[in-house]
Amino acid sequence: QVQLVESGGGLVQAGGSLRLSCVASGNIGSMNAMGWYRQAPGNQRELVARITTGRYTTYGDSVKGRFTIARDNTKNTVYLQMNSLKPEDTAVYYCNYGAMRDTTGAYWGQGIQVTVSS
């Protein structure tokens, strides 16, 4: 089992920045992928960004150039730096953990609200 604890969400004005953090604990594999997904009301959950232990990154098209994912393998922590935020970035953001070979990991955090006001 893996537990994920997210922090850093909140309310920000359009054009502002936020940084999300997610700490993983439990049965952490040496080769894994951590990432962030988001879900807005009425929408499907979508990939925001994903990073492997080797720091290979993948981004959703809507956040490329604005968001940056990073990780500290010594702390089992993944970060999401979100810049130039837009109202359409408003959603619940979920941390995700899984094996590198999996498109989406099996473990999810509880979710954290990000609200961008116009």
PDB file of N, CA and C in Angstrom:
ATOM      1  N   GLN A   1       0.835  -1.198   0.000  1.00  0.00           N
ATOM      2  CA  GLN A   1       0.000   0.000   0.000  1.00  0.00           C
ATOM      3  C   GLN A   1       0.869   1.247   0.000  1.00  0.00           C
ATOM      4  N   VAL A   2       0.357   2.262  -0.653  1.00  0.00           N
ATOM      5  CA  VAL A   2       1.035   3.559  -0.705  1.00  0.00           C
ATOM      6  C   VAL A   2       0.038   4.627  -0.290  1.00  0.00           C
ATOM      7  N   GLN A   3       0.491   5.525   0.550  1.00  0.00           N
ATOM      8  CA  GLN A   3      -0.335   6.648   0.964  1.00  0.00           C
ATOM      9  C   GLN A   3       0.236   7.929   0.365  1.00  0.00           C
ATOM     10  N   LEU A   4      -0.670   8.794  -0.069  1.00  0.00           N
ATOM     11  CA  LEU A   4      -0.286  10.056  -0.699  1.00  0.00           C
ATOM     12  C   LEU A   4      -0.957  11.204   0.037  1.00  0.00           C
ATOM     13  N   VAL A   5      -0.176  12.206   0.392  1.00  0.00           N
ATOM     14  CA  VAL A   5      -0.722  13.368   1.091  1.00  0.00           C
ATOM     15  C   VAL A   5      -0.352  14.624   0.317  1.00  0.00           C
ATOM     16  N   GLU A   6      -1.377  15.331  -0.128  1.00  0.00           N
ATOM     17  CA  GLU A   6      -1.195  16.538  -0.942  1.00  0.00           C
ATOM     18  C   GLU A   6      -1.277  17.793  -0.084  1.00  0.00           C
ATOM     19  N   SER A   7      -0.627  18.838  -0.537  1.00  0.00           N
ATOM     20  CA  SER A   7      -0.714  20.137   0.135  1.00  0.00           C
ATOM     21  C   SER A   7      -0.443  21.236  -0.878  1.00  0.00           C
ATOM     22  N   GLY A   8      -0.852  22.465  -0.521  1.00  0.00           N
ATOM     23  CA  GLY A   8      -0.490  23.622  -1.322  1.00  0.00           C
ATOM     24  C   GLY A   8      -1.587  24.232  -2.168  1.00  0.00           C
ATOM     25  N   GLY A   9      -2.757  23.659  -2.145  1.00  0.00           N
ATOM     26  CA  GLY A   9      -3.833  24.234  -2.952  1.00  0.00           C
ATOM     27  C   GLY A   9      -4.373  25.513  -2.352  1.00  0.00           C
ATOM     28  N   GLY A  10      -5.384  26.074  -3.007  1.00  0.00           N
ATOM     29  CA  GLY A  10      -6.004  27.273  -2.479  1.00  0.00           C
ATOM     30  C   GLY A  10      -6.599  28.127  -3.566  1.00  0.00           C
ATOM     31  N   LEU A  11      -6.810  29.394  -3.223  1.00  0.00           N
ATOM     32  CA  LEU A  11      -7.426  30.363  -4.119  1.00  0.00           C
ATOM     33  C   LEU A  11      -6.371  31.348  -4.593  1.00  0.00           C
ATOM     34  N   VAL A  12      -6.350  31.602  -5.889  1.00  0.00           N
ATOM     35  CA  VAL A  12      -5.385  32.528  -6.465  1.00  0.00           C
ATOM     36  C   VAL A  12      -6.052  33.275  -7.612  1.00  0.00           C
ATOM     37  N   GLN A  13      -5.587  34.475  -7.865  1.00  0.00           N
ATOM     38  CA  GLN A  13      -6.121  35.241  -8.992  1.00  0.00           C
ATOM     39  C   GLN A  13      -5.498  34.767 -10.302  1.00  0.00           C
ATOM     40  N   ALA A  14      -6.202  34.978 -11.375  1.00  0.00           N
ATOM     41  CA  ALA A  14      -5.683  34.631 -12.693  1.00  0.00           C
ATOM     42  C   ALA A  14      -4.337  35.327 -12.913  1.00  0.00           C
ATOM     43  N   GLY A  15      -3.410  34.565 -13.494  1.00  0.00           N
ATOM     44  CA  GLY A  15      -2.062  35.076 -13.693  1.00  0.00           C
ATOM     45  C   GLY A  15      -1.116  34.763 -12.557  1.00  0.00           C
ATOM     46  N   GLY A  16      -1.659  34.299 -11.451  1.00  0.00           N
ATOM     47  CA  GLY A  16      -0.847  33.983 -10.286  1.00  0.00           C
ATOM     48  C   GLY A  16      -0.237  32.603 -10.345  1.00  0.00           C
ATOM     49  N   SER A  17       0.394  32.240  -9.231  1.00  0.00           N
ATOM     50  CA  SER A  17       1.100  30.961  -9.152  1.00  0.00           C
ATOM     51  C   SER A  17       0.740  30.226  -7.872  1.00  0.00           C
ATOM     52  N   LEU A  18       0.839  28.913  -7.941  1.00  0.00           N
ATOM     53  CA  LEU A  18       0.710  28.046  -6.775  1.00  0.00           C
ATOM     54  C   LEU A  18       1.668  26.889  -6.943  1.00  0.00           C
ATOM     55  N   ARG A  19       2.075  26.305  -5.816  1.00  0.00           N
ATOM     56  CA  ARG A  19       2.879  25.090  -5.873  1.00  0.00           C
ATOM     57  C   ARG A  19       2.218  24.020  -5.029  1.00  0.00           C
ATOM     58  N   LEU A  20       1.978  22.881  -5.671  1.00  0.00           N
ATOM     59  CA  LEU A  20       1.427  21.723  -4.985  1.00  0.00           C
ATOM     60  C   LEU A  20       2.555  20.764  -4.617  1.00  0.00           C
ATOM     61  N   SER A  21       2.365  20.094  -3.497  1.00  0.00           N
ATOM     62  CA  SER A  21       3.311  19.063  -3.068  1.00  0.00           C
ATOM     63  C   SER A  21       2.544  17.795  -2.742  1.00  0.00           C
ATOM     64  N   CYS A  22       3.194  16.670  -2.933  1.00  0.00           N
ATOM     65  CA  CYS A  22       2.595  15.378  -2.587  1.00  0.00           C
ATOM     66  C   CYS A  22       3.695  14.476  -2.045  1.00  0.00           C
ATOM     67  N   VAL A  23       3.478  13.984  -0.846  1.00  0.00           N
ATOM     68  CA  VAL A  23       4.436  13.079  -0.210  1.00  0.00           C
ATOM     69  C   VAL A  23       3.879  11.667  -0.234  1.00  0.00           C
ATOM     70  N   ALA A  24       4.675  10.749  -0.711  1.00  0.00           N
ATOM     71  CA  ALA A  24       4.293   9.342  -0.743  1.00  0.00           C
ATOM     72  C   ALA A  24       4.957   8.587   0.396  1.00  0.00           C
ATOM     73  N   SER A  25       4.225   7.668   0.987  1.00  0.00           N
ATOM     74  CA  SER A  25       4.778   6.830   2.038  1.00  0.00           C
ATOM     75  C   SER A  25       4.212   5.423   1.897  1.00  0.00           C
ATOM     76  N   GLY A  26       4.881   4.482   2.562  1.00  0.00           N
ATOM     77  CA  GLY A  26       4.436   3.093   2.485  1.00  0.00           C
ATOM     78  C   GLY A  26       5.381   2.270   1.635  1.00  0.00           C
ATOM     79  N   ASN A  27       4.827   1.408   0.821  1.00  0.00           N
ATOM     80  CA  ASN A  27       5.602   0.470   0.004  1.00  0.00           C
ATOM     81  C   ASN A  27       6.031   1.149  -1.297  1.00  0.00           C
ATOM     82  N   ILE A  28       7.063   1.978  -1.204  1.00  0.00           N
ATOM     83  CA  ILE A  28       7.526   2.760  -2.353  1.00  0.00           C
ATOM     84  C   ILE A  28       8.528   1.955  -3.160  1.00  0.00           C
ATOM     85  N   GLY A  29       8.261   1.784  -4.430  1.00  0.00           N
ATOM     86  CA  GLY A  29       9.169   1.064  -5.304  1.00  0.00           C
ATOM     87  C   GLY A  29      10.322   1.941  -5.753  1.00  0.00           C
ATOM     88  N   SER A  30      11.437   1.306  -6.109  1.00  0.00           N
ATOM     89  CA  SER A  30      12.616   2.070  -6.520  1.00  0.00           C
ATOM     90  C   SER A  30      12.431   2.699  -7.903  1.00  0.00           C
ATOM     91  N   MET A  31      11.571   2.085  -8.703  1.00  0.00           N
ATOM     92  CA  MET A  31      11.279   2.618 -10.038  1.00  0.00           C
ATOM     93  C   MET A  31       9.782   2.897 -10.078  1.00  0.00           C
ATOM     94  N   ASN A  32       9.427   4.171 -10.125  1.00  0.00           N
ATOM     95  CA  ASN A  32       8.005   4.489 -10.075  1.00  0.00           C
ATOM     96  C   ASN A  32       7.724   5.780 -10.827  1.00  0.00           C
ATOM     97  N   ALA A  33       6.471   6.095 -10.926  1.00  0.00           N
ATOM     98  CA  ALA A  33       6.040   7.351 -11.530  1.00  0.00           C
ATOM     99  C   ALA A  33       5.056   8.021 -10.595  1.00  0.00           C
ATOM    100  N   MET A  34       5.213   9.316 -10.456  1.00  0.00           N
ATOM    101  CA  MET A  34       4.264  10.112  -9.675  1.00  0.00           C
ATOM    102  C   MET A  34       3.747  11.229 -10.568  1.00  0.00           C
ATOM    103  N   GLY A  35       2.550  11.649 -10.281  1.00  0.00           N
ATOM    104  CA  GLY A  35       2.001  12.684 -11.133  1.00  0.00           C
ATOM    105  C   GLY A  35       0.796  13.370 -10.535  1.00  0.00           C
ATOM    106  N   TRP A  36       0.252  14.248 -11.320  1.00  0.00           N
ATOM    107  CA  TRP A  36      -0.920  15.014 -10.935  1.00  0.00           C
ATOM    108  C   TRP A  36      -1.983  14.905 -12.025  1.00  0.00           C
ATOM    109  N   TYR A  37      -3.195  14.690 -11.568  1.00  0.00           N
ATOM    110  CA  TYR A  37      -4.361  14.728 -12.426  1.00  0.00           C
ATOM    111  C   TYR A  37      -5.306  15.775 -11.846  1.00  0.00           C
ATOM    112  N   ARG A  38      -6.268  16.196 -12.639  1.00  0.00           N
ATOM    113  CA  ARG A  38      -7.256  17.138 -12.125  1.00  0.00           C
ATOM    114  C   ARG A  38      -8.632  16.808 -12.686  1.00  0.00           C
ATOM    115  N   GLN A  39      -9.623  17.241 -11.922  1.00  0.00           N
ATOM    116  CA  GLN A  39     -10.999  17.011 -12.344  1.00  0.00           C
ATOM    117  C   GLN A  39     -11.832  18.216 -11.948  1.00  0.00           C
ATOM    118  N   ALA A  40     -12.433  18.834 -12.954  1.00  0.00           N
ATOM    119  CA  ALA A  40     -13.357  19.943 -12.738  1.00  0.00           C
ATOM    120  C   ALA A  40     -14.777  19.397 -12.767  1.00  0.00           C
ATOM    121  N   PRO A  41     -15.712  20.081 -12.139  1.00  0.00           N
ATOM    122  CA  PRO A  41     -17.095  19.596 -12.128  1.00  0.00           C
ATOM    123  C   PRO A  41     -17.617  19.357 -13.544  1.00  0.00           C
ATOM    124  N   GLY A  42     -18.196  18.179 -13.746  1.00  0.00           N
ATOM    125  CA  GLY A  42     -18.757  17.836 -15.044  1.00  0.00           C
ATOM    126  C   GLY A  42     -17.749  17.340 -16.055  1.00  0.00           C
ATOM    127  N   ASN A  43     -16.470  17.333 -15.673  1.00  0.00           N
ATOM    128  CA  ASN A  43     -15.426  16.890 -16.595  1.00  0.00           C
ATOM    129  C   ASN A  43     -14.807  15.576 -16.141  1.00  0.00           C
ATOM    130  N   GLN A  44     -14.156  14.907 -17.069  1.00  0.00           N
ATOM    131  CA  GLN A  44     -13.407  13.711 -16.717  1.00  0.00           C
ATOM    132  C   GLN A  44     -12.085  14.103 -16.071  1.00  0.00           C
ATOM    133  N   ARG A  45     -11.546  13.171 -15.288  1.00  0.00           N
ATOM    134  CA  ARG A  45     -10.232  13.399 -14.705  1.00  0.00           C
ATOM    135  C   ARG A  45      -9.207  13.373 -15.841  1.00  0.00           C
ATOM    136  N   GLU A  46      -8.293  14.325 -15.824  1.00  0.00           N
ATOM    137  CA  GLU A  46      -7.311  14.422 -16.900  1.00  0.00           C
ATOM    138  C   GLU A  46      -5.892  14.544 -16.337  1.00  0.00           C
ATOM    139  N   LEU A  47      -4.951  14.080 -17.142  1.00  0.00           N
ATOM    140  CA  LEU A  47      -3.551  14.188 -16.762  1.00  0.00           C
ATOM    141  C   LEU A  47      -3.113  15.652 -16.791  1.00  0.00           C
ATOM    142  N   VAL A  48      -2.429  16.054 -15.743  1.00  0.00           N
ATOM    143  CA  VAL A  48      -1.781  17.364 -15.714  1.00  0.00           C
ATOM    144  C   VAL A  48      -0.292  17.187 -16.027  1.00  0.00           C
ATOM    145  N   ALA A  49       0.371  16.346 -15.237  1.00  0.00           N
ATOM    146  CA  ALA A  49       1.791  16.101 -15.454  1.00  0.00           C
ATOM    147  C   ALA A  49       2.188  14.829 -14.718  1.00  0.00           C
ATOM    148  N   ARG A  50       3.237  14.199 -15.210  1.00  0.00           N
ATOM    149  CA  ARG A  50       3.714  12.931 -14.647  1.00  0.00           C
ATOM    150  C   ARG A  50       5.225  12.905 -14.747  1.00  0.00           C
ATOM    151  N   ILE A  51       5.883  12.314 -13.740  1.00  0.00           N
ATOM    152  CA  ILE A  51       7.341  12.242 -13.745  1.00  0.00           C
ATOM    153  C   ILE A  51       7.772  10.909 -13.173  1.00  0.00           C
ATOM    154  N   THR A  52       8.771  10.305 -13.798  1.00  0.00           N
ATOM    155  CA  THR A  52       9.292   9.029 -13.330  1.00  0.00           C
ATOM    156  C   THR A  52      10.486   9.250 -12.394  1.00  0.00           C
ATOM    157  N   THR A  53      10.934   8.172 -11.768  1.00  0.00           N
ATOM    158  CA  THR A  53      12.110   8.276 -10.911  1.00  0.00           C
ATOM    159  C   THR A  53      13.327   8.743 -11.706  1.00  0.00           C
ATOM    160  N   GLY A  54      13.364   8.436 -12.989  1.00  0.00           N
ATOM    161  CA  GLY A  54      14.436   8.921 -13.852  1.00  0.00           C
ATOM    162  C   GLY A  54      14.193  10.324 -14.372  1.00  0.00           C
ATOM    163  N   ARG A  55      13.115  10.954 -13.910  1.00  0.00           N
ATOM    164  CA  ARG A  55      12.756  12.331 -14.244  1.00  0.00           C
ATOM    165  C   ARG A  55      12.330  12.519 -15.690  1.00  0.00           C
ATOM    166  N   TYR A  56      11.790  11.463 -16.259  1.00  0.00           N
ATOM    167  CA  TYR A  56      11.129  11.615 -17.560  1.00  0.00           C
ATOM    168  C   TYR A  56       9.761  12.209 -17.303  1.00  0.00           C
ATOM    169  N   THR A  57       9.416  13.294 -18.021  1.00  0.00           N
ATOM    170  CA  THR A  57       8.174  14.006 -17.741  1.00  0.00           C
ATOM    171  C   THR A  57       7.195  13.948 -18.914  1.00  0.00           C
ATOM    172  N   THR A  58       5.927  14.004 -18.561  1.00  0.00           N
ATOM    173  CA  THR A  58       4.833  14.092 -19.519  1.00  0.00           C
ATOM    174  C   THR A  58       3.887  15.167 -19.020  1.00  0.00           C
ATOM    175  N   TYR A  59       3.382  15.993 -19.943  1.00  0.00           N
ATOM    176  CA  TYR A  59       2.462  17.059 -19.572  1.00  0.00           C
ATOM    177  C   TYR A  59       1.185  16.991 -20.413  1.00  0.00           C
ATOM    178  N   GLY A  60       0.088  17.394 -19.790  1.00  0.00           N
ATOM    179  CA  GLY A  60      -1.130  17.593 -20.552  1.00  0.00           C
ATOM    180  C   GLY A  60      -0.979  18.818 -21.449  1.00  0.00           C
ATOM    181  N   ASP A  61      -1.634  18.790 -22.596  1.00  0.00           N
ATOM    182  CA  ASP A  61      -1.459  19.870 -23.578  1.00  0.00           C
ATOM    183  C   ASP A  61      -1.849  21.231 -23.013  1.00  0.00           C
ATOM    184  N   SER A  62      -2.858  21.271 -22.168  1.00  0.00           N
ATOM    185  CA  SER A  62      -3.368  22.555 -21.694  1.00  0.00           C
ATOM    186  C   SER A  62      -2.439  23.240 -20.684  1.00  0.00           C
ATOM    187  N   VAL A  63      -1.445  22.532 -20.164  1.00  0.00           N
ATOM    188  CA  VAL A  63      -0.575  23.137 -19.153  1.00  0.00           C
ATOM    189  C   VAL A  63       0.871  23.284 -19.615  1.00  0.00           C
ATOM    190  N   LYS A  64       1.169  22.793 -20.797  1.00  0.00           N
ATOM    191  CA  LYS A  64       2.551  22.881 -21.282  1.00  0.00           C
ATOM    192  C   LYS A  64       3.012  24.339 -21.343  1.00  0.00           C
ATOM    193  N   GLY A  65       4.210  24.564 -20.843  1.00  0.00           N
ATOM    194  CA  GLY A  65       4.764  25.907 -20.837  1.00  0.00           C
ATOM    195  C   GLY A  65       4.368  26.743 -19.635  1.00  0.00           C
ATOM    196  N   ARG A  66       3.401  26.265 -18.855  1.00  0.00           N
ATOM    197  CA  ARG A  66       2.951  27.021 -17.678  1.00  0.00           C
ATOM    198  C   ARG A  66       3.228  26.258 -16.378  1.00  0.00           C
ATOM    199  N   PHE A  67       3.104  24.948 -16.406  1.00  0.00           N
ATOM    200  CA  PHE A  67       3.294  24.115 -15.223  1.00  0.00           C
ATOM    201  C   PHE A  67       4.598  23.338 -15.351  1.00  0.00           C
ATOM    202  N   THR A  68       5.223  23.091 -14.207  1.00  0.00           N
ATOM    203  CA  THR A  68       6.448  22.304 -14.167  1.00  0.00           C
ATOM    204  C   THR A  68       6.350  21.280 -13.043  1.00  0.00           C
ATOM    205  N   ILE A  69       6.615  20.038 -13.382  1.00  0.00           N
ATOM    206  CA  ILE A  69       6.620  18.976 -12.382  1.00  0.00           C
ATOM    207  C   ILE A  69       8.058  18.632 -12.034  1.00  0.00           C
ATOM    208  N   ALA A  70       8.286  18.347 -10.761  1.00  0.00           N
ATOM    209  CA  ALA A  70       9.616  17.978 -10.291  1.00  0.00           C
ATOM    210  C   ALA A  70       9.450  17.005  -9.133  1.00  0.00           C
ATOM    211  N   ARG A  71      10.525  16.325  -8.792  1.00  0.00           N
ATOM    212  CA  ARG A  71      10.439  15.395  -7.675  1.00  0.00           C
ATOM    213  C   ARG A  71      11.749  15.335  -6.925  1.00  0.00           C
ATOM    214  N   ASP A  72      11.625  14.968  -5.655  1.00  0.00           N
ATOM    215  CA  ASP A  72      12.783  14.710  -4.805  1.00  0.00           C
ATOM    216  C   ASP A  72      12.694  13.246  -4.398  1.00  0.00           C
ATOM    217  N   ASN A  73      13.516  12.418  -5.015  1.00  0.00           N
ATOM    218  CA  ASN A  73      13.430  10.982  -4.761  1.00  0.00           C
ATOM    219  C   ASN A  73      13.829  10.625  -3.325  1.00  0.00           C
ATOM    220  N   THR A  74      14.664  11.446  -2.709  1.00  0.00           N
ATOM    221  CA  THR A  74      15.078  11.153  -1.331  1.00  0.00           C
ATOM    222  C   THR A  74      13.935  11.381  -0.346  1.00  0.00           C
ATOM    223  N   LYS A  75      12.972  12.195  -0.745  1.00  0.00           N
ATOM    224  CA  LYS A  75      11.830  12.500   0.121  1.00  0.00           C
ATOM    225  C   LYS A  75      10.527  11.895  -0.388  1.00  0.00           C
ATOM    226  N   ASN A  76      10.599  11.139  -1.479  1.00  0.00           N
ATOM    227  CA  ASN A  76       9.388  10.565  -2.092  1.00  0.00           C
ATOM    228  C   ASN A  76       8.314  11.639  -2.280  1.00  0.00           C
ATOM    229  N   THR A  77       8.738  12.764  -2.774  1.00  0.00           N
ATOM    230  CA  THR A  77       7.857  13.920  -2.909  1.00  0.00           C
ATOM    231  C   THR A  77       7.858  14.412  -4.344  1.00  0.00           C
ATOM    232  N   VAL A  78       6.672  14.763  -4.820  1.00  0.00           N
ATOM    233  CA  VAL A  78       6.529  15.348  -6.144  1.00  0.00           C
ATOM    234  C   VAL A  78       5.927  16.738  -5.982  1.00  0.00           C
ATOM    235  N   TYR A  79       6.369  17.647  -6.811  1.00  0.00           N
ATOM    236  CA  TYR A  79       5.924  19.029  -6.764  1.00  0.00           C
ATOM    237  C   TYR A  79       5.305  19.415  -8.110  1.00  0.00           C
ATOM    238  N   LEU A  80       4.358  20.318  -8.068  1.00  0.00           N
ATOM    239  CA  LEU A  80       3.789  20.871  -9.286  1.00  0.00           C
ATOM    240  C   LEU A  80       3.792  22.387  -9.146  1.00  0.00           C
ATOM    241  N   GLN A  81       4.659  23.033  -9.887  1.00  0.00           N
ATOM    242  CA  GLN A  81       4.696  24.485  -9.915  1.00  0.00           C
ATOM    243  C   GLN A  81       3.768  24.960 -11.013  1.00  0.00           C
ATOM    244  N   MET A  82       2.778  25.742 -10.617  1.00  0.00           N
ATOM    245  CA  MET A  82       1.766  26.199 -11.561  1.00  0.00           C
ATOM    246  C   MET A  82       1.870  27.715 -11.703  1.00  0.00           C
ATOM    247  N   ASN A  83       2.234  28.159 -12.884  1.00  0.00           N
ATOM    248  CA  ASN A  83       2.364  29.587 -13.171  1.00  0.00           C
ATOM    249  C   ASN A  83       1.331  30.015 -14.206  1.00  0.00           C
ATOM    250  N   SER A  84       1.130  31.312 -14.309  1.00  0.00           N
ATOM    251  CA  SER A  84       0.183  31.871 -15.286  1.00  0.00           C
ATOM    252  C   SER A  84      -1.159  31.155 -15.207  1.00  0.00           C
ATOM    253  N   LEU A  85      -1.651  31.012 -14.012  1.00  0.00           N
ATOM    254  CA  LEU A  85      -2.892  30.258 -13.820  1.00  0.00           C
ATOM    255  C   LEU A  85      -4.074  30.955 -14.468  1.00  0.00           C
ATOM    256  N   LYS A  86      -4.985  30.134 -14.974  1.00  0.00           N
ATOM    257  CA  LYS A  86      -6.184  30.600 -15.651  1.00  0.00           C
ATOM    258  C   LYS A  86      -7.413  30.081 -14.908  1.00  0.00           C
ATOM    259  N   PRO A  87      -8.547  30.755 -15.053  1.00  0.00           N
ATOM    260  CA  PRO A  87      -9.767  30.229 -14.401  1.00  0.00           C
ATOM    261  C   PRO A  87     -10.082  28.796 -14.800  1.00  0.00           C
ATOM    262  N   GLU A  88      -9.749  28.410 -16.012  1.00  0.00           N
ATOM    263  CA  GLU A  88     -10.024  27.035 -16.452  1.00  0.00           C
ATOM    264  C   GLU A  88      -9.111  26.012 -15.802  1.00  0.00           C
ATOM    265  N   ASP A  89      -8.127  26.461 -15.036  1.00  0.00           N
ATOM    266  CA  ASP A  89      -7.310  25.529 -14.253  1.00  0.00           C
ATOM    267  C   ASP A  89      -7.991  25.149 -12.934  1.00  0.00           C
ATOM    268  N   THR A  90      -9.105  25.783 -12.641  1.00  0.00           N
ATOM    269  CA  THR A  90      -9.838  25.465 -11.417  1.00  0.00           C
ATOM    270  C   THR A  90     -10.317  24.021 -11.450  1.00  0.00           C
ATOM    271  N   ALA A  91      -9.957  23.279 -10.413  1.00  0.00           N
ATOM    272  CA  ALA A  91     -10.298  21.864 -10.353  1.00  0.00           C
ATOM    273  C   ALA A  91      -9.815  21.296  -9.024  1.00  0.00           C
ATOM    274  N   VAL A  92     -10.200  20.068  -8.772  1.00  0.00           N
ATOM    275  CA  VAL A  92      -9.576  19.293  -7.703  1.00  0.00           C
ATOM    276  C   VAL A  92      -8.375  18.572  -8.314  1.00  0.00           C
ATOM    277  N   TYR A  93      -7.231  18.752  -7.707  1.00  0.00           N
ATOM    278  CA  TYR A  93      -6.005  18.146  -8.192  1.00  0.00           C
ATOM    279  C   TYR A  93      -5.676  16.915  -7.345  1.00  0.00           C
ATOM    280  N   TYR A  94      -5.378  15.826  -8.017  1.00  0.00           N
ATOM    281  CA  TYR A  94      -5.111  14.560  -7.352  1.00  0.00           C
ATOM    282  C   TYR A  94      -3.678  14.110  -7.625  1.00  0.00           C
ATOM    283  N   CYS A  95      -2.997  13.727  -6.577  1.00  0.00           N
ATOM    284  CA  CYS A  95      -1.684  13.113  -6.714  1.00  0.00           C
ATOM    285  C   CYS A  95      -1.867  11.640  -7.075  1.00  0.00           C
ATOM    286  N   ASN A  96      -0.961  11.145  -7.890  1.00  0.00           N
ATOM    287  CA  ASN A  96      -1.063   9.757  -8.363  1.00  0.00           C
ATOM    288  C   ASN A  96       0.299   9.089  -8.267  1.00  0.00           C
ATOM    289  N   TYR A  97       0.287   7.810  -7.914  1.00  0.00           N
ATOM    290  CA  TYR A  97       1.537   7.042  -7.792  1.00  0.00           C
ATOM    291  C   TYR A  97       1.331   5.669  -8.405  1.00  0.00           C
ATOM    292  N   GLY A  98       2.363   5.189  -9.100  1.00  0.00           N
ATOM    293  CA  GLY A  98       2.281   3.839  -9.626  1.00  0.00           C
ATOM    294  C   GLY A  98       3.588   3.376 -10.214  1.00  0.00           C
ATOM    295  N   ALA A  99       3.559   2.198 -10.795  1.00  0.00           N
ATOM    296  CA  ALA A  99       4.741   1.657 -11.459  1.00  0.00           C
ATOM    297  C   ALA A  99       5.026   2.455 -12.728  1.00  0.00           C
ATOM    298  N   MET A 100       6.287   2.489 -13.092  1.00  0.00           N
ATOM    299  CA  MET A 100       6.665   3.237 -14.292  1.00  0.00           C
ATOM    300  C   MET A 100       5.972   2.716 -15.536  1.00  0.00           C
ATOM    301  N   ARG A 101       5.729   1.426 -15.584  1.00  0.00           N
ATOM    302  CA  ARG A 101       5.153   0.824 -16.782  1.00  0.00           C
ATOM    303  C   ARG A 101       3.667   1.151 -16.940  1.00  0.00           C
ATOM    304  N   ASP A 102       3.026   1.615 -15.870  1.00  0.00           N
ATOM    305  CA  ASP A 102       1.596   1.889 -15.921  1.00  0.00           C
ATOM    306  C   ASP A 102       1.336   3.289 -16.463  1.00  0.00           C
ATOM    307  N   THR A 103       0.350   3.420 -17.313  1.00  0.00           N
ATOM    308  CA  THR A 103      -0.022   4.740 -17.830  1.00  0.00           C
ATOM    309  C   THR A 103      -0.517   5.633 -16.699  1.00  0.00           C
ATOM    310  N   THR A 104      -1.328   5.056 -15.859  1.00  0.00           N
ATOM    311  CA  THR A 104      -1.820   5.752 -14.672  1.00  0.00           C
ATOM    312  C   THR A 104      -1.600   4.848 -13.471  1.00  0.00           C
ATOM    313  N   GLY A 105      -1.069   5.420 -12.392  1.00  0.00           N
ATOM    314  CA  GLY A 105      -0.795   4.627 -11.215  1.00  0.00           C
ATOM    315  C   GLY A 105      -2.048   4.186 -10.482  1.00  0.00           C
ATOM    316  N   ALA A 106      -1.856   3.234  -9.615  1.00  0.00           N
ATOM    317  CA  ALA A 106      -2.985   2.635  -8.906  1.00  0.00           C
ATOM    318  C   ALA A 106      -3.392   3.405  -7.658  1.00  0.00           C
ATOM    319  N   TYR A 107      -2.535   4.281  -7.195  1.00  0.00           N
ATOM    320  CA  TYR A 107      -2.786   4.956  -5.926  1.00  0.00           C
ATOM    321  C   TYR A 107      -3.082   6.441  -6.139  1.00  0.00           C
ATOM    322  N   TRP A 108      -4.036   6.921  -5.342  1.00  0.00           N
ATOM    323  CA  TRP A 108      -4.492   8.302  -5.457  1.00  0.00           C
ATOM    324  C   TRP A 108      -4.475   8.992  -4.103  1.00  0.00           C
ATOM    325  N   GLY A 109      -4.176  10.285  -4.130  1.00  0.00           N
ATOM    326  CA  GLY A 109      -4.355  11.100  -2.946  1.00  0.00           C
ATOM    327  C   GLY A 109      -5.817  11.480  -2.790  1.00  0.00           C
ATOM    328  N   GLN A 110      -6.108  12.209  -1.734  1.00  0.00           N
ATOM    329  CA  GLN A 110      -7.496  12.563  -1.441  1.00  0.00           C
ATOM    330  C   GLN A 110      -7.991  13.721  -2.283  1.00  0.00           C
ATOM    331  N   GLY A 111      -7.089  14.425  -2.917  1.00  0.00           N
ATOM    332  CA  GLY A 111      -7.456  15.554  -3.759  1.00  0.00           C
ATOM    333  C   GLY A 111      -7.339  16.869  -3.018  1.00  0.00           C
ATOM    334  N   ILE A 112      -6.994  17.909  -3.761  1.00  0.00           N
ATOM    335  CA  ILE A 112      -6.848  19.225  -3.169  1.00  0.00           C
ATOM    336  C   ILE A 112      -7.406  20.262  -4.140  1.00  0.00           C
ATOM    337  N   GLN A 113      -8.158  21.212  -3.597  1.00  0.00           N
ATOM    338  CA  GLN A 113      -8.842  22.185  -4.438  1.00  0.00           C
ATOM    339  C   GLN A 113      -7.907  23.308  -4.862  1.00  0.00           C
ATOM    340  N   VAL A 114      -7.942  23.619  -6.143  1.00  0.00           N
ATOM    341  CA  VAL A 114      -7.276  24.798  -6.691  1.00  0.00           C
ATOM    342  C   VAL A 114      -8.351  25.639  -7.375  1.00  0.00           C
ATOM    343  N   THR A 115      -8.470  26.879  -6.954  1.00  0.00           N
ATOM    344  CA  THR A 115      -9.456  27.769  -7.529  1.00  0.00           C
ATOM    345  C   THR A 115      -8.756  29.022  -8.040  1.00  0.00           C
ATOM    346  N   VAL A 116      -9.002  29.322  -9.311  1.00  0.00           N
ATOM    347  CA  VAL A 116      -8.403  30.501  -9.940  1.00  0.00           C
ATOM    348  C   VAL A 116      -9.527  31.473 -10.273  1.00  0.00           C
ATOM    349  N   SER A 117      -9.473  32.637  -9.683  1.00  0.00           N
ATOM    350  CA  SER A 117     -10.511  33.638  -9.912  1.00  0.00           C
ATOM    351  C   SER A 117     -10.111  34.566 -11.053  1.00  0.00           C
ATOM    352  N   SER A 118     -11.127  35.034 -11.756  1.00  0.00           N
ATOM    353  CA  SER A 118     -10.854  35.904 -12.911  1.00  0.00           C
ATOM    354  C   SER A 118     -10.829  37.362 -12.507  1.00  0.00           C
TER     355      SER A 118
END
